[in-house]
């Protein structure tokens, strides 16, 4: 059994292991991708936007990979549980802020999306403090999927001529992105209502 002098050393070693395990390194990598995505978007050229979309997509892949590896390798940690959602919100927030700055999406739209995220984060945090667990609802998963795909389209932004084999169409990716984010917003509001309902039910049942 470690003595009092060994406990701080053991905590530092445990923290070092958590900081350098593969899932958390992927999460740090996702955070590191934020500045390049923002810088490339600000160049406002088709090539820069294309590479920004690729980096953003890679970040979305690491979001899935770090959680999967943490569960598969038994490396789930308190630090990972803090960093993973933080990294997600940071890259989404950064992308939305730049898109508003460039006039690609209206500011009020972003306010609604972020207000929902802050509200749900607050509810889940409060529920956790009270010993309740509010599970992720299906509408929330749909929201995340449409939001990520919509953001990729917003980042691409420029119209492209797409050959579908039977017809050739000009696709305005910015409008496509706004449409997908609108769907994400609907799922976002629906999932927020479910979270709030479950929170109230848990409080009443306590």
N, C-alpha and C. Protein backbone atom coordinates (compact mmCIF):
# COMPACT_ATOMS: atom_id res chain seq x y z
N UNK A 1 0.85 -1.20 0.00
CA UNK A 1 0.00 0.00 0.00
C UNK A 1 0.88 1.24 0.00
N UNK A 2 0.67 2.18 -0.97
CA UNK A 2 1.55 3.35 -1.07
C UNK A 2 1.38 4.25 0.14
N UNK A 3 2.51 4.85 0.60
CA UNK A 3 2.43 5.80 1.70
C UNK A 3 2.06 7.18 1.19
N UNK A 4 1.98 8.15 2.13
CA UNK A 4 1.52 9.50 1.77
C UNK A 4 2.46 10.17 0.78
N UNK A 5 3.78 9.87 0.87
CA UNK A 5 4.74 10.49 -0.04
C UNK A 5 4.64 9.93 -1.45
N UNK A 6 4.20 8.68 -1.56
CA UNK A 6 4.12 8.05 -2.88
C UNK A 6 2.85 8.41 -3.63
N UNK A 7 1.80 8.84 -2.91
CA UNK A 7 0.52 9.12 -3.55
C UNK A 7 0.60 10.22 -4.60
N UNK A 8 1.24 11.40 -4.31
CA UNK A 8 1.35 12.42 -5.37
C UNK A 8 2.09 11.92 -6.60
N UNK A 9 3.16 11.12 -6.38
CA UNK A 9 3.93 10.56 -7.49
C UNK A 9 3.08 9.62 -8.32
N UNK A 10 2.28 8.80 -7.65
CA UNK A 10 1.41 7.86 -8.35
C UNK A 10 0.34 8.60 -9.16
N UNK A 11 -0.19 9.68 -8.59
CA UNK A 11 -1.20 10.47 -9.32
C UNK A 11 -0.59 11.08 -10.57
N UNK A 12 0.66 11.58 -10.45
CA UNK A 12 1.32 12.17 -11.62
C UNK A 12 1.57 11.11 -12.69
N UNK A 13 1.96 9.92 -12.26
CA UNK A 13 2.18 8.84 -13.23
C UNK A 13 0.87 8.45 -13.92
N UNK A 14 -0.21 8.39 -13.14
CA UNK A 14 -1.50 8.03 -13.72
C UNK A 14 -1.96 9.09 -14.71
N UNK A 15 -1.74 10.37 -14.34
CA UNK A 15 -2.11 11.46 -15.25
C UNK A 15 -1.28 11.40 -16.52
N UNK A 16 0.02 11.09 -16.38
CA UNK A 16 0.89 10.99 -17.56
C UNK A 16 0.43 9.86 -18.47
N UNK A 17 0.05 8.74 -17.87
CA UNK A 17 -0.45 7.61 -18.68
C UNK A 17 -1.72 8.01 -19.42
N UNK A 18 -2.61 8.73 -18.73
CA UNK A 18 -3.86 9.14 -19.37
C UNK A 18 -3.60 10.14 -20.50
N UNK A 19 -2.66 11.05 -20.28
CA UNK A 19 -2.36 12.06 -21.29
C UNK A 19 -1.74 11.46 -22.55
N UNK A 20 -1.05 10.35 -22.38
CA UNK A 20 -0.30 9.78 -23.51
C UNK A 20 -0.91 8.50 -24.07
N UNK A 21 -2.10 8.09 -23.58
CA UNK A 21 -2.71 6.90 -24.19
C UNK A 21 -3.30 7.26 -25.56
N UNK A 22 -3.49 6.26 -26.38
CA UNK A 22 -3.87 6.49 -27.78
C UNK A 22 -5.20 7.25 -27.92
N UNK A 23 -6.27 6.88 -27.21
CA UNK A 23 -7.53 7.63 -27.36
C UNK A 23 -7.39 9.11 -27.04
N UNK A 24 -6.68 9.44 -25.96
CA UNK A 24 -6.54 10.85 -25.60
C UNK A 24 -5.61 11.59 -26.55
N UNK A 25 -4.61 10.90 -27.09
CA UNK A 25 -3.76 11.53 -28.10
C UNK A 25 -4.56 11.86 -29.35
N UNK A 26 -5.50 10.98 -29.72
CA UNK A 26 -6.38 11.27 -30.86
C UNK A 26 -7.24 12.50 -30.57
N UNK A 27 -7.71 12.61 -29.31
CA UNK A 27 -8.52 13.76 -28.94
C UNK A 27 -7.70 15.05 -29.02
N UNK A 28 -6.45 15.00 -28.52
CA UNK A 28 -5.57 16.17 -28.63
C UNK A 28 -5.31 16.51 -30.09
N UNK A 29 -5.17 15.47 -30.91
CA UNK A 29 -4.98 15.69 -32.34
C UNK A 29 -6.16 16.40 -32.96
N UNK A 30 -7.37 16.04 -32.51
CA UNK A 30 -8.58 16.70 -33.01
C UNK A 30 -8.58 18.19 -32.65
N UNK A 31 -8.16 18.50 -31.46
CA UNK A 31 -8.07 19.91 -31.04
C UNK A 31 -7.03 20.64 -31.88
N UNK A 32 -5.92 19.95 -32.17
CA UNK A 32 -4.85 20.57 -32.96
C UNK A 32 -5.29 20.84 -34.40
N UNK A 33 -6.32 20.15 -34.88
CA UNK A 33 -6.81 20.36 -36.25
C UNK A 33 -7.64 21.64 -36.38
N UNK A 34 -8.06 22.23 -35.26
CA UNK A 34 -8.95 23.40 -35.32
C UNK A 34 -8.29 24.59 -36.01
N UNK A 35 -7.08 25.03 -35.62
CA UNK A 35 -6.47 26.19 -36.31
C UNK A 35 -6.31 26.01 -37.81
N UNK A 36 -5.83 24.84 -38.31
CA UNK A 36 -5.72 24.68 -39.77
C UNK A 36 -7.07 24.79 -40.48
N UNK A 37 -8.12 24.22 -39.89
CA UNK A 37 -9.45 24.31 -40.50
C UNK A 37 -9.89 25.77 -40.59
N UNK A 38 -9.71 26.51 -39.50
CA UNK A 38 -10.11 27.92 -39.49
C UNK A 38 -9.30 28.73 -40.51
N UNK A 39 -7.98 28.51 -40.53
CA UNK A 39 -7.12 29.28 -41.44
C UNK A 39 -7.46 28.99 -42.89
N UNK A 40 -7.67 27.73 -43.21
CA UNK A 40 -8.00 27.37 -44.59
C UNK A 40 -9.34 27.94 -45.01
N UNK A 41 -10.33 27.91 -44.11
CA UNK A 41 -11.63 28.50 -44.43
C UNK A 41 -11.51 29.99 -44.73
N UNK A 42 -10.66 30.66 -43.98
CA UNK A 42 -10.51 32.11 -44.15
C UNK A 42 -9.84 32.48 -45.48
N UNK A 43 -9.19 31.52 -46.14
CA UNK A 43 -8.58 31.80 -47.44
C UNK A 43 -9.64 31.99 -48.53
N UNK A 44 -10.79 31.38 -48.33
CA UNK A 44 -11.96 31.53 -49.23
C UNK A 44 -11.65 31.15 -50.68
N UNK A 45 -10.89 30.09 -50.84
CA UNK A 45 -10.64 29.56 -52.18
C UNK A 45 -11.15 28.13 -52.24
N UNK A 46 -11.55 27.66 -53.41
CA UNK A 46 -12.05 26.28 -53.52
C UNK A 46 -11.04 25.24 -53.02
N UNK A 47 -9.76 25.42 -53.34
CA UNK A 47 -8.74 24.45 -52.93
C UNK A 47 -8.57 24.46 -51.41
N UNK A 48 -8.48 25.65 -50.83
CA UNK A 48 -8.31 25.75 -49.37
C UNK A 48 -9.52 25.17 -48.65
N UNK A 49 -10.70 25.47 -49.15
CA UNK A 49 -11.91 24.94 -48.52
C UNK A 49 -11.98 23.42 -48.64
N UNK A 50 -11.52 22.90 -49.77
CA UNK A 50 -11.52 21.45 -49.96
C UNK A 50 -10.64 20.77 -48.91
N UNK A 51 -9.44 21.31 -48.69
CA UNK A 51 -8.53 20.72 -47.71
C UNK A 51 -9.05 20.94 -46.28
N UNK A 52 -9.72 22.07 -46.04
CA UNK A 52 -10.33 22.30 -44.73
C UNK A 52 -11.40 21.25 -44.45
N UNK A 53 -12.17 20.91 -45.48
CA UNK A 53 -13.22 19.89 -45.33
C UNK A 53 -12.61 18.52 -45.06
N UNK A 54 -11.48 18.22 -45.69
CA UNK A 54 -10.81 16.93 -45.46
C UNK A 54 -10.33 16.84 -44.00
N UNK A 55 -9.70 17.92 -43.53
CA UNK A 55 -9.19 17.92 -42.14
C UNK A 55 -10.35 17.80 -41.16
N UNK A 56 -11.44 18.52 -41.43
CA UNK A 56 -12.61 18.44 -40.55
C UNK A 56 -13.17 17.02 -40.53
N UNK A 57 -13.21 16.38 -41.69
CA UNK A 57 -13.71 15.00 -41.78
C UNK A 57 -12.81 14.05 -41.00
N UNK A 58 -11.49 14.25 -41.09
CA UNK A 58 -10.56 13.43 -40.32
C UNK A 58 -10.79 13.62 -38.82
N UNK A 59 -11.08 14.86 -38.43
CA UNK A 59 -11.37 15.14 -37.02
C UNK A 59 -12.62 14.38 -36.58
N UNK A 60 -13.63 14.34 -37.45
CA UNK A 60 -14.86 13.61 -37.12
C UNK A 60 -14.58 12.11 -36.98
N UNK A 61 -13.68 11.60 -37.82
CA UNK A 61 -13.31 10.18 -37.74
C UNK A 61 -12.60 9.89 -36.42
N UNK A 62 -11.70 10.78 -35.99
CA UNK A 62 -11.01 10.57 -34.72
C UNK A 62 -11.98 10.63 -33.55
N UNK A 63 -13.07 11.39 -33.71
CA UNK A 63 -14.09 11.45 -32.66
C UNK A 63 -14.69 10.06 -32.43
N UNK A 64 -14.93 9.34 -33.51
CA UNK A 64 -15.44 7.98 -33.38
C UNK A 64 -14.34 7.04 -32.89
N UNK A 65 -13.13 7.21 -33.43
CA UNK A 65 -12.04 6.28 -33.15
C UNK A 65 -11.59 6.34 -31.70
N UNK A 66 -11.50 7.55 -31.11
CA UNK A 66 -10.98 7.62 -29.75
C UNK A 66 -11.93 6.95 -28.75
N UNK A 67 -13.25 7.15 -28.96
CA UNK A 67 -14.21 6.49 -28.07
C UNK A 67 -14.19 4.98 -28.23
N UNK A 68 -14.10 4.52 -29.47
CA UNK A 68 -14.07 3.08 -29.75
C UNK A 68 -12.83 2.44 -29.13
N UNK A 69 -11.66 3.07 -29.31
CA UNK A 69 -10.43 2.51 -28.80
C UNK A 69 -10.39 2.55 -27.26
N UNK A 70 -10.94 3.62 -26.69
CA UNK A 70 -10.96 3.71 -25.22
C UNK A 70 -11.76 2.56 -24.62
N UNK A 71 -12.90 2.23 -25.26
CA UNK A 71 -13.71 1.11 -24.76
C UNK A 71 -13.05 -0.23 -25.05
N UNK A 72 -12.49 -0.37 -26.25
CA UNK A 72 -11.90 -1.64 -26.67
C UNK A 72 -10.63 -1.97 -25.87
N UNK A 73 -9.85 -0.93 -25.56
CA UNK A 73 -8.58 -1.12 -24.88
C UNK A 73 -8.67 -0.94 -23.36
N UNK A 74 -9.89 -0.66 -22.88
CA UNK A 74 -10.06 -0.46 -21.44
C UNK A 74 -9.35 0.78 -20.94
N UNK A 75 -9.33 1.85 -21.75
CA UNK A 75 -8.60 3.07 -21.40
C UNK A 75 -9.53 4.25 -21.13
N UNK A 76 -10.78 3.97 -20.82
CA UNK A 76 -11.71 5.05 -20.49
C UNK A 76 -11.24 5.72 -19.20
N UNK A 77 -11.26 7.05 -19.20
CA UNK A 77 -10.75 7.79 -18.04
C UNK A 77 -11.57 9.06 -17.85
N UNK A 78 -11.45 9.63 -16.67
CA UNK A 78 -12.14 10.88 -16.37
C UNK A 78 -11.64 12.00 -17.28
N UNK A 79 -10.32 12.01 -17.54
CA UNK A 79 -9.75 13.01 -18.43
C UNK A 79 -10.32 12.88 -19.83
N UNK A 80 -10.43 11.64 -20.32
CA UNK A 80 -10.99 11.41 -21.65
C UNK A 80 -12.44 11.83 -21.74
N UNK A 81 -13.20 11.56 -20.68
CA UNK A 81 -14.61 11.94 -20.67
C UNK A 81 -14.78 13.46 -20.67
N UNK A 82 -13.77 14.18 -20.15
CA UNK A 82 -13.81 15.64 -20.18
C UNK A 82 -13.36 16.17 -21.53
N UNK A 83 -12.24 15.62 -22.04
CA UNK A 83 -11.64 16.15 -23.26
C UNK A 83 -12.45 15.85 -24.51
N UNK A 84 -13.03 14.64 -24.60
CA UNK A 84 -13.71 14.23 -25.83
C UNK A 84 -14.87 15.16 -26.21
N UNK A 85 -15.85 15.41 -25.32
CA UNK A 85 -16.92 16.34 -25.69
C UNK A 85 -16.42 17.76 -25.85
N UNK A 86 -15.37 18.13 -25.08
CA UNK A 86 -14.82 19.48 -25.22
C UNK A 86 -14.23 19.69 -26.60
N UNK A 87 -13.47 18.69 -27.09
CA UNK A 87 -12.88 18.78 -28.42
C UNK A 87 -13.97 18.87 -29.49
N UNK A 88 -15.04 18.09 -29.33
CA UNK A 88 -16.15 18.12 -30.30
C UNK A 88 -16.75 19.51 -30.38
N UNK A 89 -17.04 20.08 -29.22
CA UNK A 89 -17.70 21.39 -29.19
C UNK A 89 -16.78 22.49 -29.69
N UNK A 90 -15.48 22.38 -29.40
CA UNK A 90 -14.54 23.39 -29.84
C UNK A 90 -14.44 23.46 -31.37
N UNK A 91 -14.32 22.29 -32.03
CA UNK A 91 -14.16 22.32 -33.48
C UNK A 91 -15.45 22.73 -34.17
N UNK A 92 -16.60 22.31 -33.62
CA UNK A 92 -17.88 22.73 -34.19
C UNK A 92 -18.07 24.24 -34.00
N UNK A 93 -17.77 24.73 -32.80
CA UNK A 93 -17.90 26.16 -32.51
C UNK A 93 -16.99 26.99 -33.39
N UNK A 94 -15.73 26.55 -33.53
CA UNK A 94 -14.78 27.29 -34.35
C UNK A 94 -15.24 27.37 -35.80
N UNK A 95 -15.73 26.25 -36.33
CA UNK A 95 -16.20 26.21 -37.72
C UNK A 95 -17.40 27.12 -37.92
N UNK A 96 -18.34 27.08 -36.97
CA UNK A 96 -19.53 27.92 -37.08
C UNK A 96 -19.19 29.40 -36.99
N UNK A 97 -18.27 29.74 -36.08
CA UNK A 97 -17.89 31.15 -35.91
C UNK A 97 -17.26 31.70 -37.19
N UNK A 98 -16.36 30.91 -37.79
CA UNK A 98 -15.73 31.35 -39.04
C UNK A 98 -16.78 31.46 -40.15
N UNK A 99 -17.70 30.50 -40.21
CA UNK A 99 -18.76 30.54 -41.24
C UNK A 99 -19.62 31.79 -41.09
N UNK A 100 -19.91 32.17 -39.87
CA UNK A 100 -20.68 33.41 -39.64
C UNK A 100 -19.86 34.62 -40.06
N UNK A 101 -18.57 34.63 -39.69
CA UNK A 101 -17.68 35.73 -40.04
C UNK A 101 -17.62 35.92 -41.55
N UNK A 102 -17.64 34.82 -42.29
CA UNK A 102 -17.56 34.89 -43.76
C UNK A 102 -18.93 35.12 -44.40
N UNK A 103 -19.99 35.14 -43.59
CA UNK A 103 -21.33 35.35 -44.13
C UNK A 103 -21.92 34.13 -44.79
N UNK A 104 -21.41 32.93 -44.46
CA UNK A 104 -21.92 31.71 -45.07
C UNK A 104 -23.19 31.20 -44.40
N UNK A 105 -23.37 31.53 -43.13
CA UNK A 105 -24.59 31.18 -42.40
C UNK A 105 -24.97 32.35 -41.50
N UNK A 106 -26.27 32.52 -41.22
CA UNK A 106 -26.69 33.63 -40.36
C UNK A 106 -26.31 33.40 -38.90
N UNK A 107 -26.03 34.50 -38.21
CA UNK A 107 -25.61 34.41 -36.82
C UNK A 107 -26.66 33.80 -35.91
N UNK A 108 -27.96 34.12 -36.14
CA UNK A 108 -29.02 33.63 -35.26
C UNK A 108 -29.11 32.10 -35.31
N UNK A 109 -28.76 31.55 -36.47
CA UNK A 109 -28.80 30.10 -36.64
C UNK A 109 -27.79 29.45 -35.69
N UNK A 110 -26.61 30.03 -35.66
CA UNK A 110 -25.55 29.51 -34.80
C UNK A 110 -25.92 29.67 -33.32
N UNK A 111 -26.54 30.79 -32.99
CA UNK A 111 -26.96 31.03 -31.60
C UNK A 111 -27.91 29.93 -31.14
N UNK A 112 -28.87 29.54 -31.99
CA UNK A 112 -29.81 28.48 -31.63
C UNK A 112 -29.10 27.15 -31.41
N UNK A 113 -28.17 26.81 -32.32
CA UNK A 113 -27.44 25.56 -32.19
C UNK A 113 -26.62 25.52 -30.90
N UNK A 114 -25.91 26.63 -30.62
CA UNK A 114 -25.06 26.66 -29.44
C UNK A 114 -25.87 26.74 -28.16
N UNK A 115 -27.01 27.43 -28.20
CA UNK A 115 -27.86 27.52 -27.02
C UNK A 115 -28.34 26.13 -26.61
N UNK A 116 -28.69 25.33 -27.60
CA UNK A 116 -29.13 23.96 -27.31
C UNK A 116 -28.01 23.17 -26.66
N UNK A 117 -26.79 23.27 -27.24
CA UNK A 117 -25.66 22.52 -26.72
C UNK A 117 -25.36 22.90 -25.27
N UNK A 118 -25.36 24.20 -24.99
CA UNK A 118 -25.08 24.66 -23.62
C UNK A 118 -26.16 24.22 -22.65
N UNK A 119 -27.41 24.26 -23.10
CA UNK A 119 -28.53 23.86 -22.24
C UNK A 119 -28.45 22.39 -21.88
N UNK A 120 -28.21 21.53 -22.89
CA UNK A 120 -28.14 20.10 -22.64
C UNK A 120 -26.92 19.75 -21.80
N UNK A 121 -25.79 20.41 -22.08
CA UNK A 121 -24.59 20.16 -21.27
C UNK A 121 -24.85 20.53 -19.81
N UNK A 122 -25.53 21.65 -19.59
CA UNK A 122 -25.87 22.06 -18.23
C UNK A 122 -26.81 21.08 -17.55
N UNK A 123 -27.83 20.62 -18.28
CA UNK A 123 -28.79 19.66 -17.71
C UNK A 123 -28.10 18.36 -17.33
N UNK A 124 -27.25 17.85 -18.23
CA UNK A 124 -26.58 16.57 -17.95
C UNK A 124 -25.60 16.72 -16.79
N UNK A 125 -24.95 17.87 -16.69
CA UNK A 125 -24.03 18.11 -15.58
C UNK A 125 -24.79 18.17 -14.26
N UNK A 126 -25.92 18.88 -14.26
CA UNK A 126 -26.73 18.98 -13.06
C UNK A 126 -27.29 17.62 -12.65
N UNK A 127 -27.73 16.85 -13.66
CA UNK A 127 -28.26 15.52 -13.38
C UNK A 127 -27.18 14.63 -12.80
N UNK A 128 -25.96 14.74 -13.32
CA UNK A 128 -24.85 13.94 -12.82
C UNK A 128 -24.54 14.28 -11.36
N UNK A 129 -24.60 15.56 -11.03
CA UNK A 129 -24.36 15.97 -9.65
C UNK A 129 -25.41 15.42 -8.70
N UNK A 130 -26.63 15.21 -9.22
CA UNK A 130 -27.71 14.68 -8.40
C UNK A 130 -27.76 13.15 -8.43
N UNK A 131 -26.82 12.55 -9.15
CA UNK A 131 -26.76 11.10 -9.21
C UNK A 131 -27.62 10.49 -10.29
N UNK A 132 -28.11 11.31 -11.24
CA UNK A 132 -28.92 10.81 -12.34
C UNK A 132 -28.06 10.69 -13.60
N UNK A 133 -28.44 9.77 -14.47
CA UNK A 133 -27.78 9.63 -15.77
C UNK A 133 -28.82 9.80 -16.86
N UNK A 134 -28.61 10.78 -17.74
CA UNK A 134 -29.52 10.99 -18.86
C UNK A 134 -28.86 10.44 -20.11
N UNK A 135 -29.37 9.34 -20.60
CA UNK A 135 -28.78 8.68 -21.76
C UNK A 135 -28.96 9.51 -23.03
N UNK A 136 -28.04 9.29 -23.97
CA UNK A 136 -28.15 9.95 -25.28
C UNK A 136 -29.38 9.41 -26.00
N UNK A 137 -30.19 10.32 -26.55
CA UNK A 137 -31.41 9.90 -27.25
C UNK A 137 -31.12 9.79 -28.74
N UNK A 138 -31.98 9.03 -29.44
CA UNK A 138 -31.76 8.79 -30.87
C UNK A 138 -31.77 10.09 -31.67
N UNK A 139 -32.67 11.01 -31.30
CA UNK A 139 -32.74 12.29 -32.02
C UNK A 139 -31.41 13.03 -31.91
N UNK A 140 -30.74 12.89 -30.77
CA UNK A 140 -29.44 13.54 -30.59
C UNK A 140 -28.40 12.96 -31.52
N UNK A 141 -28.46 11.64 -31.76
CA UNK A 141 -27.51 11.01 -32.68
C UNK A 141 -27.75 11.47 -34.11
N UNK A 142 -29.03 11.59 -34.49
CA UNK A 142 -29.36 12.10 -35.83
C UNK A 142 -28.88 13.54 -35.97
N UNK A 143 -29.05 14.31 -34.90
CA UNK A 143 -28.59 15.70 -34.91
C UNK A 143 -27.10 15.78 -35.19
N UNK A 144 -26.34 14.93 -34.51
CA UNK A 144 -24.89 14.94 -34.68
C UNK A 144 -24.51 14.58 -36.11
N UNK A 145 -25.16 13.56 -36.69
CA UNK A 145 -24.85 13.12 -38.04
C UNK A 145 -25.14 14.23 -39.06
N UNK A 146 -26.34 14.80 -39.00
CA UNK A 146 -26.70 15.87 -39.96
C UNK A 146 -25.82 17.10 -39.75
N UNK A 147 -25.48 17.38 -38.49
CA UNK A 147 -24.66 18.55 -38.20
C UNK A 147 -23.26 18.41 -38.79
N UNK A 148 -22.65 17.24 -38.62
CA UNK A 148 -21.31 17.03 -39.14
C UNK A 148 -21.27 17.09 -40.66
N UNK A 149 -22.23 16.42 -41.30
CA UNK A 149 -22.28 16.43 -42.77
C UNK A 149 -22.58 17.84 -43.27
N UNK A 150 -23.48 18.53 -42.57
CA UNK A 150 -23.81 19.90 -42.95
C UNK A 150 -22.62 20.83 -42.82
N UNK A 151 -21.83 20.65 -41.78
CA UNK A 151 -20.65 21.50 -41.60
C UNK A 151 -19.60 21.24 -42.67
N UNK A 152 -19.46 19.98 -43.08
CA UNK A 152 -18.53 19.68 -44.18
C UNK A 152 -18.97 20.42 -45.44
N UNK A 153 -20.28 20.40 -45.72
CA UNK A 153 -20.80 21.10 -46.90
C UNK A 153 -20.59 22.61 -46.77
N UNK A 154 -20.80 23.15 -45.58
CA UNK A 154 -20.58 24.59 -45.35
C UNK A 154 -19.12 24.95 -45.58
N UNK A 155 -18.22 24.08 -45.13
CA UNK A 155 -16.78 24.33 -45.32
C UNK A 155 -16.42 24.31 -46.80
N UNK A 156 -16.93 23.32 -47.54
CA UNK A 156 -16.67 23.26 -48.99
C UNK A 156 -17.18 24.53 -49.66
N UNK A 157 -18.40 24.92 -49.32
CA UNK A 157 -19.01 26.21 -49.67
C UNK A 157 -19.26 26.42 -51.16
N UNK A 158 -18.25 26.30 -51.97
CA UNK A 158 -18.36 26.66 -53.39
C UNK A 158 -19.23 25.69 -54.17
N UNK A 159 -19.92 26.17 -55.19
CA UNK A 159 -20.71 25.27 -56.04
C UNK A 159 -19.80 24.42 -56.93
N UNK A 160 -20.23 23.18 -57.16
CA UNK A 160 -19.48 22.26 -58.02
C UNK A 160 -20.44 21.60 -58.98
N UNK A 161 -19.93 21.31 -60.18
CA UNK A 161 -20.71 20.57 -61.17
C UNK A 161 -20.50 19.09 -60.90
N UNK A 162 -21.59 18.36 -60.60
CA UNK A 162 -21.52 16.95 -60.29
C UNK A 162 -22.20 16.15 -61.38
N UNK A 163 -21.48 15.16 -61.91
CA UNK A 163 -22.04 14.29 -62.93
C UNK A 163 -22.63 13.06 -62.25
N UNK A 164 -23.96 12.92 -62.29
CA UNK A 164 -24.64 11.80 -61.66
C UNK A 164 -24.85 10.63 -62.63
N UNK A 165 -24.25 10.71 -63.81
CA UNK A 165 -24.39 9.65 -64.80
C UNK A 165 -25.56 9.92 -65.73
N UNK A 166 -26.76 10.06 -65.16
CA UNK A 166 -27.95 10.32 -65.98
C UNK A 166 -28.16 11.81 -66.18
N UNK A 167 -27.52 12.62 -65.34
CA UNK A 167 -27.67 14.08 -65.45
C UNK A 167 -26.50 14.76 -64.75
N UNK A 168 -26.25 15.99 -65.17
CA UNK A 168 -25.20 16.80 -64.56
C UNK A 168 -25.85 18.00 -63.86
N UNK A 169 -25.53 18.16 -62.59
CA UNK A 169 -26.14 19.23 -61.80
C UNK A 169 -25.07 20.08 -61.13
N UNK A 170 -25.42 21.35 -60.96
CA UNK A 170 -24.56 22.25 -60.19
C UNK A 170 -25.05 22.21 -58.75
N UNK A 171 -24.19 21.77 -57.84
CA UNK A 171 -24.54 21.65 -56.43
C UNK A 171 -23.95 22.83 -55.66
N UNK A 172 -24.80 23.63 -55.05
CA UNK A 172 -24.35 24.72 -54.20
C UNK A 172 -24.15 24.14 -52.79
N UNK A 173 -22.91 23.86 -52.44
CA UNK A 173 -22.63 23.19 -51.18
C UNK A 173 -22.99 24.03 -49.96
N UNK A 174 -22.93 25.35 -50.11
CA UNK A 174 -23.30 26.18 -48.96
C UNK A 174 -24.79 26.06 -48.66
N UNK A 175 -25.62 26.09 -49.70
CA UNK A 175 -27.06 25.92 -49.49
C UNK A 175 -27.38 24.52 -48.99
N UNK A 176 -26.65 23.52 -49.51
CA UNK A 176 -26.83 22.15 -49.04
C UNK A 176 -26.49 22.05 -47.55
N UNK A 177 -25.40 22.72 -47.16
CA UNK A 177 -25.00 22.71 -45.76
C UNK A 177 -26.03 23.35 -44.85
N UNK A 178 -26.59 24.47 -45.29
CA UNK A 178 -27.62 25.15 -44.50
C UNK A 178 -28.85 24.27 -44.35
N UNK A 179 -29.21 23.57 -45.44
CA UNK A 179 -30.37 22.67 -45.40
C UNK A 179 -30.13 21.53 -44.40
N UNK A 180 -28.93 20.95 -44.43
CA UNK A 180 -28.61 19.85 -43.52
C UNK A 180 -28.54 20.34 -42.07
N UNK A 181 -28.00 21.53 -41.88
CA UNK A 181 -27.94 22.09 -40.52
C UNK A 181 -29.33 22.44 -40.01
N UNK A 182 -30.23 22.80 -40.93
CA UNK A 182 -31.62 23.06 -40.53
C UNK A 182 -32.29 21.78 -40.01
N UNK A 183 -32.02 20.67 -40.71
CA UNK A 183 -32.54 19.38 -40.25
C UNK A 183 -31.92 19.03 -38.90
N UNK A 184 -30.60 19.28 -38.76
CA UNK A 184 -29.92 19.03 -37.50
C UNK A 184 -30.53 19.85 -36.37
N UNK A 185 -30.92 21.09 -36.69
CA UNK A 185 -31.53 21.96 -35.68
C UNK A 185 -32.86 21.39 -35.22
N UNK A 186 -33.66 20.85 -36.14
CA UNK A 186 -34.94 20.24 -35.76
C UNK A 186 -34.72 19.06 -34.83
N UNK A 187 -33.78 18.18 -35.20
CA UNK A 187 -33.46 17.05 -34.33
C UNK A 187 -32.89 17.53 -32.99
N UNK A 188 -32.14 18.63 -33.06
CA UNK A 188 -31.54 19.19 -31.85
C UNK A 188 -32.61 19.65 -30.87
N UNK A 189 -33.63 20.35 -31.38
CA UNK A 189 -34.72 20.83 -30.52
C UNK A 189 -35.54 19.66 -29.99
N UNK A 190 -35.75 18.65 -30.84
CA UNK A 190 -36.51 17.47 -30.41
C UNK A 190 -35.78 16.73 -29.30
N UNK A 191 -34.47 16.54 -29.47
CA UNK A 191 -33.70 15.83 -28.45
C UNK A 191 -33.61 16.65 -27.16
N UNK A 192 -33.55 17.99 -27.29
CA UNK A 192 -33.51 18.85 -26.11
C UNK A 192 -34.79 18.68 -25.30
N UNK A 193 -35.94 18.58 -25.99
CA UNK A 193 -37.22 18.39 -25.29
C UNK A 193 -37.23 17.05 -24.55
N UNK A 194 -36.67 16.00 -25.18
CA UNK A 194 -36.62 14.69 -24.54
C UNK A 194 -35.71 14.72 -23.32
N UNK A 195 -34.54 15.36 -23.45
CA UNK A 195 -33.62 15.47 -22.33
C UNK A 195 -34.30 16.19 -21.16
N UNK A 196 -34.97 17.29 -21.46
CA UNK A 196 -35.63 18.06 -20.40
C UNK A 196 -36.73 17.24 -19.73
N UNK A 197 -37.49 16.51 -20.55
CA UNK A 197 -38.56 15.66 -20.00
C UNK A 197 -37.99 14.59 -19.08
N UNK A 198 -36.89 13.95 -19.50
CA UNK A 198 -36.27 12.91 -18.69
C UNK A 198 -35.67 13.50 -17.41
N UNK A 199 -35.12 14.70 -17.51
CA UNK A 199 -34.56 15.35 -16.34
C UNK A 199 -35.64 15.64 -15.31
N UNK A 200 -36.76 16.19 -15.76
CA UNK A 200 -37.86 16.50 -14.86
C UNK A 200 -38.42 15.22 -14.25
N UNK A 201 -38.56 14.15 -15.06
CA UNK A 201 -39.07 12.88 -14.57
C UNK A 201 -38.15 12.30 -13.50
N UNK A 202 -36.83 12.43 -13.71
CA UNK A 202 -35.87 11.90 -12.73
C UNK A 202 -35.95 12.69 -11.42
N UNK A 203 -36.13 14.00 -11.52
CA UNK A 203 -36.25 14.84 -10.32
C UNK A 203 -37.51 14.47 -9.54
N UNK A 204 -38.61 14.29 -10.25
CA UNK A 204 -39.89 13.95 -9.59
C UNK A 204 -39.82 12.59 -8.92
N UNK A 205 -39.15 11.65 -9.61
CA UNK A 205 -39.07 10.28 -9.10
C UNK A 205 -38.10 10.13 -7.92
N UNK A 206 -37.22 11.13 -7.76
CA UNK A 206 -36.20 11.04 -6.69
C UNK A 206 -36.85 11.12 -5.30
